[in-house]
């Protein structure tokens, strides 16, 4: 019997597969958002939508949750405001502060994104079954770990 000259199969790098899966998900999300009239989304918009959906917040609070400077956060907010996704209003608890909140356009965009998330999961269940998706979710939760800090802590609060 002749011996195989092919090297043994090496499993694909899990980190790269997770990254590629995420990129595919985001690409599909952005395509759907564009079809629905939201073709101007920025990289930070999704996290900001989720944070502001919980409650209006000041730039300082958002900066702390994002783990970036107030100036960087203000630039994101300015950009989102210029595109019509957020509005600012006086903070009733502090006359010097202004609250950032989702505009009607921002709430509508978040609704489209959430519908995409749900439809994506439904497609996965249809393709691979409930058990397979539950297994993937369990593995990803394990990979994510359980010691939240900084942005990781804020993202985990949005996971619920």
C-alpha atoms as a PDB file:
ATOM      1  CA  UNK A   1       0.000   0.000   0.000  1.00  0.00           C
ATOM      2  CA  UNK A   2       1.359   3.407  -0.969  1.00  0.00           C
ATOM      3  CA  UNK A   3       1.707   5.970   1.744  1.00  0.00           C
ATOM      4  CA  UNK A   4      -0.016   9.312   1.338  1.00  0.00           C
ATOM      5  CA  UNK A   5       2.345  12.144   0.487  1.00  0.00           C
ATOM      6  CA  UNK A   6      -0.115  14.793   1.621  1.00  0.00           C
ATOM      7  CA  UNK A   7       0.524  16.421   4.991  1.00  0.00           C
ATOM      8  CA  UNK A   8      -2.113  15.885   7.670  1.00  0.00           C
ATOM      9  CA  UNK A   9      -4.974  18.373   7.564  1.00  0.00           C
ATOM     10  CA  UNK A  10      -4.369  21.315   9.868  1.00  0.00           C
ATOM     11  CA  UNK A  11      -7.503  22.780  11.422  1.00  0.00           C
ATOM     12  CA  UNK A  12      -8.201  26.339  10.381  1.00  0.00           C
ATOM     13  CA  UNK A  13      -7.176  28.976  12.891  1.00  0.00           C
ATOM     14  CA  UNK A  14     -10.148  29.492  15.219  1.00  0.00           C
ATOM     15  CA  UNK A  15      -9.388  33.179  15.819  1.00  0.00           C
ATOM     16  CA  UNK A  16      -9.365  33.858  12.087  1.00  0.00           C
ATOM     17  CA  UNK A  17     -12.620  31.916  11.638  1.00  0.00           C
ATOM     18  CA  UNK A  18     -14.282  33.969  14.404  1.00  0.00           C
ATOM     19  CA  UNK A  19     -13.030  37.162  12.756  1.00  0.00           C
ATOM     20  CA  UNK A  20     -14.229  36.079   9.297  1.00  0.00           C
ATOM     21  CA  UNK A  21     -17.631  35.079  10.689  1.00  0.00           C
ATOM     22  CA  UNK A  22     -17.958  38.457  12.409  1.00  0.00           C
ATOM     23  CA  UNK A  23     -16.918  40.312   9.253  1.00  0.00           C
ATOM     24  CA  UNK A  24     -19.482  38.362   7.231  1.00  0.00           C
ATOM     25  CA  UNK A  25     -22.182  39.182   9.759  1.00  0.00           C
ATOM     26  CA  UNK A  26     -21.292  42.898   9.750  1.00  0.00           C
ATOM     27  CA  UNK A  27     -21.086  42.999   5.946  1.00  0.00           C
ATOM     28  CA  UNK A  28     -24.579  41.507   5.689  1.00  0.00           C
ATOM     29  CA  UNK A  29     -25.890  43.868   8.351  1.00  0.00           C
ATOM     30  CA  UNK A  30     -24.512  46.912   6.546  1.00  0.00           C
ATOM     31  CA  UNK A  31     -25.941  45.709   3.236  1.00  0.00           C
ATOM     32  CA  UNK A  32     -29.390  45.344   4.813  1.00  0.00           C
ATOM     33  CA  UNK A  33     -29.097  48.683   6.564  1.00  0.00           C
ATOM     34  CA  UNK A  34     -28.208  50.338   3.234  1.00  0.00           C
ATOM     35  CA  UNK A  35     -31.217  48.728   1.520  1.00  0.00           C
ATOM     36  CA  UNK A  36     -33.397  50.150   4.305  1.00  0.00           C
ATOM     37  CA  UNK A  37     -31.999  53.671   3.811  1.00  0.00           C
ATOM     38  CA  UNK A  38     -29.177  53.662   6.366  1.00  0.00           C
ATOM     39  CA  UNK A  39     -26.160  53.649   4.074  1.00  0.00           C
ATOM     40  CA  UNK A  40     -24.160  56.149   6.110  1.00  0.00           C
ATOM     41  CA  UNK A  41     -23.404  54.165   9.250  1.00  0.00           C
ATOM     42  CA  UNK A  42     -20.073  54.557  11.012  1.00  0.00           C
ATOM     43  CA  UNK A  43     -18.018  51.909  12.806  1.00  0.00           C
ATOM     44  CA  UNK A  44     -19.025  53.041  16.313  1.00  0.00           C
ATOM     45  CA  UNK A  45     -22.700  53.610  15.562  1.00  0.00           C
ATOM     46  CA  UNK A  46     -23.926  50.153  16.567  1.00  0.00           C
ATOM     47  CA  UNK A  47     -22.480  50.310  20.064  1.00  0.00           C
ATOM     48  CA  UNK A  48     -23.700  53.895  20.467  1.00  0.00           C
ATOM     49  CA  UNK A  49     -27.211  52.896  19.347  1.00  0.00           C
ATOM     50  CA  UNK A  50     -27.300  50.160  21.960  1.00  0.00           C
ATOM     51  CA  UNK A  51     -25.922  52.377  24.747  1.00  0.00           C
ATOM     52  CA  UNK A  52     -28.289  55.222  24.009  1.00  0.00           C
ATOM     53  CA  UNK A  53     -31.296  52.935  23.643  1.00  0.00           C
ATOM     54  CA  UNK A  54     -30.962  52.126  27.327  1.00  0.00           C
ATOM     55  CA  UNK A  55     -31.133  55.819  28.306  1.00  0.00           C
ATOM     56  CA  UNK A  56     -29.896  59.231  27.183  1.00  0.00           C
ATOM     57  CA  UNK A  57     -26.362  59.850  28.440  1.00  0.00           C
ATOM     58  CA  UNK A  58     -23.788  62.614  28.565  1.00  0.00           C
ATOM     59  CA  UNK A  59     -20.680  62.554  26.406  1.00  0.00           C
ATOM     60  CA  UNK A  60     -18.611  62.114  29.580  1.00  0.00           C
ATOM     61  CA  UNK A  61     -20.528  58.997  30.604  1.00  0.00           C
ATOM     62  CA  UNK A  62     -20.351  57.587  27.079  1.00  0.00           C
ATOM     63  CA  UNK A  63     -16.597  58.257  26.969  1.00  0.00           C
ATOM     64  CA  UNK A  64     -16.112  56.360  30.220  1.00  0.00           C
ATOM     65  CA  UNK A  65     -18.089  53.393  28.925  1.00  0.00           C
ATOM     66  CA  UNK A  66     -16.266  53.371  25.601  1.00  0.00           C
ATOM     67  CA  UNK A  67     -12.882  53.783  27.246  1.00  0.00           C
ATOM     68  CA  UNK A  68     -11.939  56.679  24.975  1.00  0.00           C
ATOM     69  CA  UNK A  69     -11.442  60.415  25.478  1.00  0.00           C
ATOM     70  CA  UNK A  70     -14.317  62.856  25.827  1.00  0.00           C
ATOM     71  CA  UNK A  71     -13.024  64.574  22.691  1.00  0.00           C
ATOM     72  CA  UNK A  72     -13.115  61.323  20.708  1.00  0.00           C
ATOM     73  CA  UNK A  73     -16.596  60.559  21.986  1.00  0.00           C
ATOM     74  CA  UNK A  74     -17.758  64.092  21.171  1.00  0.00           C
ATOM     75  CA  UNK A  75     -16.497  63.608  17.597  1.00  0.00           C
ATOM     76  CA  UNK A  76     -18.530  60.399  17.271  1.00  0.00           C
ATOM     77  CA  UNK A  77     -21.609  62.130  18.703  1.00  0.00           C
ATOM     78  CA  UNK A  78     -21.117  65.180  16.453  1.00  0.00           C
ATOM     79  CA  UNK A  79     -20.891  62.910  13.419  1.00  0.00           C
ATOM     80  CA  UNK A  80     -23.955  60.884  14.417  1.00  0.00           C
ATOM     81  CA  UNK A  81     -25.860  64.105  15.085  1.00  0.00           C
ATOM     82  CA  UNK A  82     -24.912  65.479  11.655  1.00  0.00           C
ATOM     83  CA  UNK A  83     -26.262  62.281  10.073  1.00  0.00           C
ATOM     84  CA  UNK A  84     -29.493  62.558  12.096  1.00  0.00           C
ATOM     85  CA  UNK A  85     -29.072  59.525  14.388  1.00  0.00           C
ATOM     86  CA  UNK A  86     -28.814  61.373  17.709  1.00  0.00           C
ATOM     87  CA  UNK A  87     -29.947  64.648  19.231  1.00  0.00           C
ATOM     88  CA  UNK A  88     -28.729  66.566  22.255  1.00  0.00           C
ATOM     89  CA  UNK A  89     -30.898  68.163  24.866  1.00  0.00           C
ATOM     90  CA  UNK A  90     -30.316  69.857  28.217  1.00  0.00           C
ATOM     91  CA  UNK A  91     -29.874  67.524  31.175  1.00  0.00           C
ATOM     92  CA  UNK A  92     -32.694  68.309  33.638  1.00  0.00           C
ATOM     93  CA  UNK A  93     -30.441  67.188  36.512  1.00  0.00           C
ATOM     94  CA  UNK A  94     -27.481  69.418  35.529  1.00  0.00           C
ATOM     95  CA  UNK A  95     -27.992  72.674  33.633  1.00  0.00           C
ATOM     96  CA  UNK A  96     -24.355  72.609  32.454  1.00  0.00           C
ATOM     97  CA  UNK A  97     -24.635  69.176  30.859  1.00  0.00           C
ATOM     98  CA  UNK A  98     -26.323  67.972  27.700  1.00  0.00           C
ATOM     99  CA  UNK A  99     -27.788  64.532  27.188  1.00  0.00           C
ATOM    100  CA  UNK A 100     -27.301  62.603  23.976  1.00  0.00           C
ATOM    101  CA  UNK A 101     -30.254  60.492  22.879  1.00  0.00           C
ATOM    102  CA  UNK A 102     -31.366  58.587  19.829  1.00  0.00           C
ATOM    103  CA  UNK A 103     -33.421  60.545  17.351  1.00  0.00           C
ATOM    104  CA  UNK A 104     -36.398  58.998  15.580  1.00  0.00           C
ATOM    105  CA  UNK A 105     -33.996  58.044  12.750  1.00  0.00           C
ATOM    106  CA  UNK A 106     -31.612  56.454  15.265  1.00  0.00           C
ATOM    107  CA  UNK A 107     -34.395  54.428  16.900  1.00  0.00           C
ATOM    108  CA  UNK A 108     -35.615  53.304  13.465  1.00  0.00           C
ATOM    109  CA  UNK A 109     -32.082  52.261  12.433  1.00  0.00           C
ATOM    110  CA  UNK A 110     -31.686  50.295  15.669  1.00  0.00           C
ATOM    111  CA  UNK A 111     -34.981  48.552  14.913  1.00  0.00           C
ATOM    112  CA  UNK A 112     -33.752  47.531  11.453  1.00  0.00           C
ATOM    113  CA  UNK A 113     -30.490  46.256  12.936  1.00  0.00           C
ATOM    114  CA  UNK A 114     -32.313  44.224  15.588  1.00  0.00           C
ATOM    115  CA  UNK A 115     -34.582  42.708  12.936  1.00  0.00           C
ATOM    116  CA  UNK A 116     -31.484  41.726  10.950  1.00  0.00           C
ATOM    117  CA  UNK A 117     -29.935  40.105  14.036  1.00  0.00           C
ATOM    118  CA  UNK A 118     -33.100  38.059  14.628  1.00  0.00           C
ATOM    119  CA  UNK A 119     -33.393  37.024  10.969  1.00  0.00           C
ATOM    120  CA  UNK A 120     -29.707  36.060  10.896  1.00  0.00           C
ATOM    121  CA  UNK A 121     -30.177  33.760  13.877  1.00  0.00           C
ATOM    122  CA  UNK A 122     -33.315  32.276  12.314  1.00  0.00           C
ATOM    123  CA  UNK A 123     -31.324  31.510   9.142  1.00  0.00           C
ATOM    124  CA  UNK A 124     -28.618  29.814  11.209  1.00  0.00           C
ATOM    125  CA  UNK A 125     -31.201  27.695  13.014  1.00  0.00           C
ATOM    126  CA  UNK A 126     -32.761  26.748   9.672  1.00  0.00           C
ATOM    127  CA  UNK A 127     -29.374  25.864   8.223  1.00  0.00           C
ATOM    128  CA  UNK A 128     -27.728  24.107  11.190  1.00  0.00           C
ATOM    129  CA  UNK A 129     -30.497  23.429  13.731  1.00  0.00           C
ATOM    130  CA  UNK A 130     -31.267  24.771  17.200  1.00  0.00           C
ATOM    131  CA  UNK A 131     -28.754  22.468  18.883  1.00  0.00           C
ATOM    132  CA  UNK A 132     -25.865  23.569  16.708  1.00  0.00           C
ATOM    133  CA  UNK A 133     -26.631  27.245  17.300  1.00  0.00           C
ATOM    134  CA  UNK A 134     -26.933  26.636  21.046  1.00  0.00           C
ATOM    135  CA  UNK A 135     -23.529  24.928  20.931  1.00  0.00           C
ATOM    136  CA  UNK A 136     -21.942  27.828  19.076  1.00  0.00           C
ATOM    137  CA  UNK A 137     -23.466  30.282  21.547  1.00  0.00           C
ATOM    138  CA  UNK A 138     -22.091  28.252  24.476  1.00  0.00           C
ATOM    139  CA  UNK A 139     -18.612  28.178  22.931  1.00  0.00           C
ATOM    140  CA  UNK A 140     -18.658  31.920  22.178  1.00  0.00           C
ATOM    141  CA  UNK A 141     -19.856  32.718  25.705  1.00  0.00           C
ATOM    142  CA  UNK A 142     -16.979  30.648  27.058  1.00  0.00           C
ATOM    143  CA  UNK A 143     -14.519  32.376  24.749  1.00  0.00           C
ATOM    144  CA  UNK A 144     -15.829  35.762  25.876  1.00  0.00           C
ATOM    145  CA  UNK A 145     -14.936  34.904  29.470  1.00  0.00           C
ATOM    146  CA  UNK A 146     -16.544  36.240  32.576  1.00  0.00           C
ATOM    147  CA  UNK A 147     -14.415  39.122  33.880  1.00  0.00           C
ATOM    148  CA  UNK A 148     -15.816  42.243  32.240  1.00  0.00           C
ATOM    149  CA  UNK A 149     -13.907  45.531  32.321  1.00  0.00           C
ATOM    150  CA  UNK A 150     -14.222  48.813  30.420  1.00  0.00           C
ATOM    151  CA  UNK A 151     -15.981  48.543  27.066  1.00  0.00           C
ATOM    152  CA  UNK A 152     -16.193  44.800  27.577  1.00  0.00           C
ATOM    153  CA  UNK A 153     -18.381  45.441  30.639  1.00  0.00           C
ATOM    154  CA  UNK A 154     -20.618  47.819  28.684  1.00  0.00           C
ATOM    155  CA  UNK A 155     -20.948  45.387  25.768  1.00  0.00           C
ATOM    156  CA  UNK A 156     -21.907  42.599  28.167  1.00  0.00           C
ATOM    157  CA  UNK A 157     -24.699  44.764  29.589  1.00  0.00           C
ATOM    158  CA  UNK A 158     -26.040  45.146  26.030  1.00  0.00           C
ATOM    159  CA  UNK A 159     -25.922  41.399  25.462  1.00  0.00           C
ATOM    160  CA  UNK A 160     -28.996  40.722  27.580  1.00  0.00           C
END
